[in-house]
C-alpha atoms as a PDB file:
ATOM      1  CA  UNK A   1       8.419  10.210 -10.496  1.00  0.00           C
ATOM      2  CA  UNK A   2       5.836  11.201  -7.944  1.00  0.00           C
ATOM      3  CA  UNK A   3       5.645  11.385  -4.180  1.00  0.00           C
ATOM      4  CA  UNK A   4       2.516  10.134  -2.468  1.00  0.00           C
ATOM      5  CA  UNK A   5       1.773  12.536   0.358  1.00  0.00           C
ATOM      6  CA  UNK A   6      -1.550  11.170   1.622  1.00  0.00           C
ATOM      7  CA  UNK A   7      -3.436   7.956   1.018  1.00  0.00           C
ATOM      8  CA  UNK A   8      -7.147   7.677   0.399  1.00  0.00           C
ATOM      9  CA  UNK A   9      -9.345   5.454   2.489  1.00  0.00           C
ATOM     10  CA  UNK A  10      -9.657   1.879   1.323  1.00  0.00           C
ATOM     11  CA  UNK A  11     -13.304   1.433   2.203  1.00  0.00           C
ATOM     12  CA  UNK A  12     -16.063   1.126  -0.345  1.00  0.00           C
ATOM     13  CA  UNK A  13     -19.139   3.241  -0.743  1.00  0.00           C
ATOM     14  CA  UNK A  14     -22.175   3.527  -2.969  1.00  0.00           C
ATOM     15  CA  UNK A  15     -20.770   6.707  -4.500  1.00  0.00           C
ATOM     16  CA  UNK A  16     -17.531   8.649  -4.610  1.00  0.00           C
ATOM     17  CA  UNK A  17     -17.231   9.769  -1.008  1.00  0.00           C
ATOM     18  CA  UNK A  18     -16.407  13.423  -0.306  1.00  0.00           C
ATOM     19  CA  UNK A  19     -15.240  12.390   3.183  1.00  0.00           C
ATOM     20  CA  UNK A  20     -12.380  10.250   1.816  1.00  0.00           C
ATOM     21  CA  UNK A  21      -8.883  11.553   2.472  1.00  0.00           C
ATOM     22  CA  UNK A  22      -7.597  13.408  -0.599  1.00  0.00           C
ATOM     23  CA  UNK A  23      -4.847  11.769  -2.621  1.00  0.00           C
ATOM     24  CA  UNK A  24      -1.908  14.170  -3.069  1.00  0.00           C
ATOM     25  CA  UNK A  25       0.728  13.522  -5.744  1.00  0.00           C
ATOM     26  CA  UNK A  26       3.775  15.729  -6.126  1.00  0.00           C
ATOM     27  CA  UNK A  27       6.660  16.151  -8.574  1.00  0.00           C
ATOM     28  CA  UNK A  28       8.983  19.029  -7.784  1.00  0.00           C
ATOM     29  CA  UNK A  29       6.873  22.129  -7.171  1.00  0.00           C
ATOM     30  CA  UNK A  30       3.866  20.652  -9.037  1.00  0.00           C
ATOM     31  CA  UNK A  31       1.078  19.041  -7.005  1.00  0.00           C
ATOM     32  CA  UNK A  32      -2.071  17.197  -8.084  1.00  0.00           C
ATOM     33  CA  UNK A  33      -4.724  16.578  -5.439  1.00  0.00           C
ATOM     34  CA  UNK A  34      -7.517  14.096  -6.160  1.00  0.00           C
ATOM     35  CA  UNK A  35     -10.525  14.612  -3.888  1.00  0.00           C
ATOM     36  CA  UNK A  36     -12.815  12.072  -5.558  1.00  0.00           C
ATOM     37  CA  UNK A  37     -13.384   9.392  -6.502  1.00  0.00           C
ATOM     38  CA  UNK A  38     -11.322   7.450  -3.989  1.00  0.00           C
ATOM     39  CA  UNK A  39      -9.231   4.503  -5.120  1.00  0.00           C
ATOM     40  CA  UNK A  40     -11.162   1.237  -4.717  1.00  0.00           C
ATOM     41  CA  UNK A  41     -14.515   3.067  -4.767  1.00  0.00           C
ATOM     42  CA  UNK A  42     -17.656   1.136  -5.620  1.00  0.00           C
ATOM     43  CA  UNK A  43     -20.218   3.325  -7.376  1.00  0.00           C
ATOM     44  CA  UNK A  44     -23.722   2.789  -8.751  1.00  0.00           C
ATOM     45  CA  UNK A  45     -23.554   5.318 -11.621  1.00  0.00           C
ATOM     46  CA  UNK A  46     -21.861   4.873 -15.005  1.00  0.00           C
ATOM     47  CA  UNK A  47     -20.337   8.349 -14.817  1.00  0.00           C
ATOM     48  CA  UNK A  48     -18.479   9.941 -11.925  1.00  0.00           C
ATOM     49  CA  UNK A  49     -16.657  13.252 -11.695  1.00  0.00           C
ATOM     50  CA  UNK A  50     -12.923  13.360 -11.114  1.00  0.00           C
ATOM     51  CA  UNK A  51     -12.575  16.271  -8.696  1.00  0.00           C
ATOM     52  CA  UNK A  52      -9.352  17.771  -7.529  1.00  0.00           C
ATOM     53  CA  UNK A  53      -6.874  20.611  -7.634  1.00  0.00           C
ATOM     54  CA  UNK A  54      -3.637  21.432  -9.458  1.00  0.00           C
ATOM     55  CA  UNK A  55      -0.980  23.774  -8.067  1.00  0.00           C
ATOM     56  CA  UNK A  56      -0.330  25.366 -11.476  1.00  0.00           C
ATOM     57  CA  UNK A  57      -1.674  25.286 -15.030  1.00  0.00           C
ATOM     58  CA  UNK A  58      -1.488  21.706 -16.281  1.00  0.00           C
ATOM     59  CA  UNK A  59      -2.399  19.159 -18.898  1.00  0.00           C
ATOM     60  CA  UNK A  60      -4.539  16.384 -17.399  1.00  0.00           C
ATOM     61  CA  UNK A  61      -5.064  13.096 -19.200  1.00  0.00           C
ATOM     62  CA  UNK A  62      -7.713  10.698 -17.904  1.00  0.00           C
ATOM     63  CA  UNK A  63      -7.553   7.452 -19.874  1.00  0.00           C
ATOM     64  CA  UNK A  64      -7.876   8.757 -23.471  1.00  0.00           C
ATOM     65  CA  UNK A  65      -9.301  12.214 -22.656  1.00  0.00           C
ATOM     66  CA  UNK A  66      -7.065  15.281 -22.355  1.00  0.00           C
ATOM     67  CA  UNK A  67      -7.970  18.492 -20.528  1.00  0.00           C
ATOM     68  CA  UNK A  68      -6.142  21.821 -20.205  1.00  0.00           C
ATOM     69  CA  UNK A  69      -6.448  23.051 -16.637  1.00  0.00           C
ATOM     70  CA  UNK A  70      -5.835  26.397 -15.031  1.00  0.00           C
ATOM     71  CA  UNK A  71      -4.343  26.535 -11.543  1.00  0.00           C
ATOM     72  CA  UNK A  72      -6.945  25.591  -8.948  1.00  0.00           C
ATOM     73  CA  UNK A  73      -9.844  23.176  -8.694  1.00  0.00           C
ATOM     74  CA  UNK A  74     -11.280  21.072 -11.487  1.00  0.00           C
ATOM     75  CA  UNK A  75     -14.056  18.577 -12.163  1.00  0.00           C
ATOM     76  CA  UNK A  76     -13.961  16.289 -15.199  1.00  0.00           C
ATOM     77  CA  UNK A  77     -16.317  13.395 -16.056  1.00  0.00           C
ATOM     78  CA  UNK A  78     -15.176   9.766 -16.112  1.00  0.00           C
ATOM     79  CA  UNK A  79     -17.283   7.253 -18.024  1.00  0.00           C
ATOM     80  CA  UNK A  80     -17.271   3.770 -16.444  1.00  0.00           C
ATOM     81  CA  UNK A  81     -18.045   0.295 -17.743  1.00  0.00           C
ATOM     82  CA  UNK A  82     -19.815  -2.241 -15.556  1.00  0.00           C
ATOM     83  CA  UNK A  83     -17.303  -3.986 -13.290  1.00  0.00           C
ATOM     84  CA  UNK A  84     -13.803  -2.915 -12.319  1.00  0.00           C
ATOM     85  CA  UNK A  85     -12.391   0.106 -14.170  1.00  0.00           C
ATOM     86  CA  UNK A  86      -8.709   1.097 -14.212  1.00  0.00           C
ATOM     87  CA  UNK A  87      -8.604   4.885 -14.528  1.00  0.00           C
ATOM     88  CA  UNK A  88      -5.179   6.191 -15.521  1.00  0.00           C
ATOM     89  CA  UNK A  89      -4.561   9.805 -14.552  1.00  0.00           C
ATOM     90  CA  UNK A  90      -1.502  11.716 -15.770  1.00  0.00           C
ATOM     91  CA  UNK A  91      -0.950  15.402 -15.024  1.00  0.00           C
ATOM     92  CA  UNK A  92       1.960  17.607 -16.020  1.00  0.00           C
ATOM     93  CA  UNK A  93       2.696  21.273 -15.571  1.00  0.00           C
ATOM     94  CA  UNK A  94       4.254  23.594 -18.137  1.00  0.00           C
ATOM     95  CA  UNK A  95       7.742  22.987 -16.678  1.00  0.00           C
ATOM     96  CA  UNK A  96       7.546  19.259 -17.434  1.00  0.00           C
ATOM     97  CA  UNK A  97       6.879  18.041 -13.882  1.00  0.00           C
ATOM     98  CA  UNK A  98       4.591  15.008 -14.136  1.00  0.00           C
ATOM     99  CA  UNK A  99       2.613  12.784 -11.797  1.00  0.00           C
ATOM    100  CA  UNK A 100       0.569   9.710 -12.614  1.00  0.00           C
ATOM    101  CA  UNK A 101      -1.603   7.178 -10.871  1.00  0.00           C
ATOM    102  CA  UNK A 102      -4.099   4.453 -11.704  1.00  0.00           C
ATOM    103  CA  UNK A 103      -7.322   4.345  -9.673  1.00  0.00           C
ATOM    104  CA  UNK A 104      -9.515   1.278  -9.474  1.00  0.00           C
ATOM    105  CA  UNK A 105     -13.228   2.137  -9.512  1.00  0.00           C
ATOM    106  CA  UNK A 106     -15.951  -0.495  -9.580  1.00  0.00           C
ATOM    107  CA  UNK A 107     -19.275   0.298 -11.244  1.00  0.00           C
ATOM    108  CA  UNK A 108     -22.128  -1.865  -9.977  1.00  0.00           C
ATOM    109  CA  UNK A 109     -25.498  -0.712 -11.404  1.00  0.00           C
END
């Protein structure tokens, strides 16, 4: 279970916009913040960076890729296919608190 604390903007842009409102997901004391890319982004590059922050050490899974994160900010690459991409993000801390979300990112070369 997660609690959505802030929604990202629903506009589109030619790249992942740093001015979009961060997406904050919370489960118990664990929080995942996604700064970019924004949900419903339209990008013109086949790879974008997932940028955000975790409130404690965590395991982050983005589609089929798993990353071990320390508390703080992170940046991990996301490879996109042409068209609409569903990017599933699951993060859990060492106490078992878990949040998940699916972002829709469109790649138009």
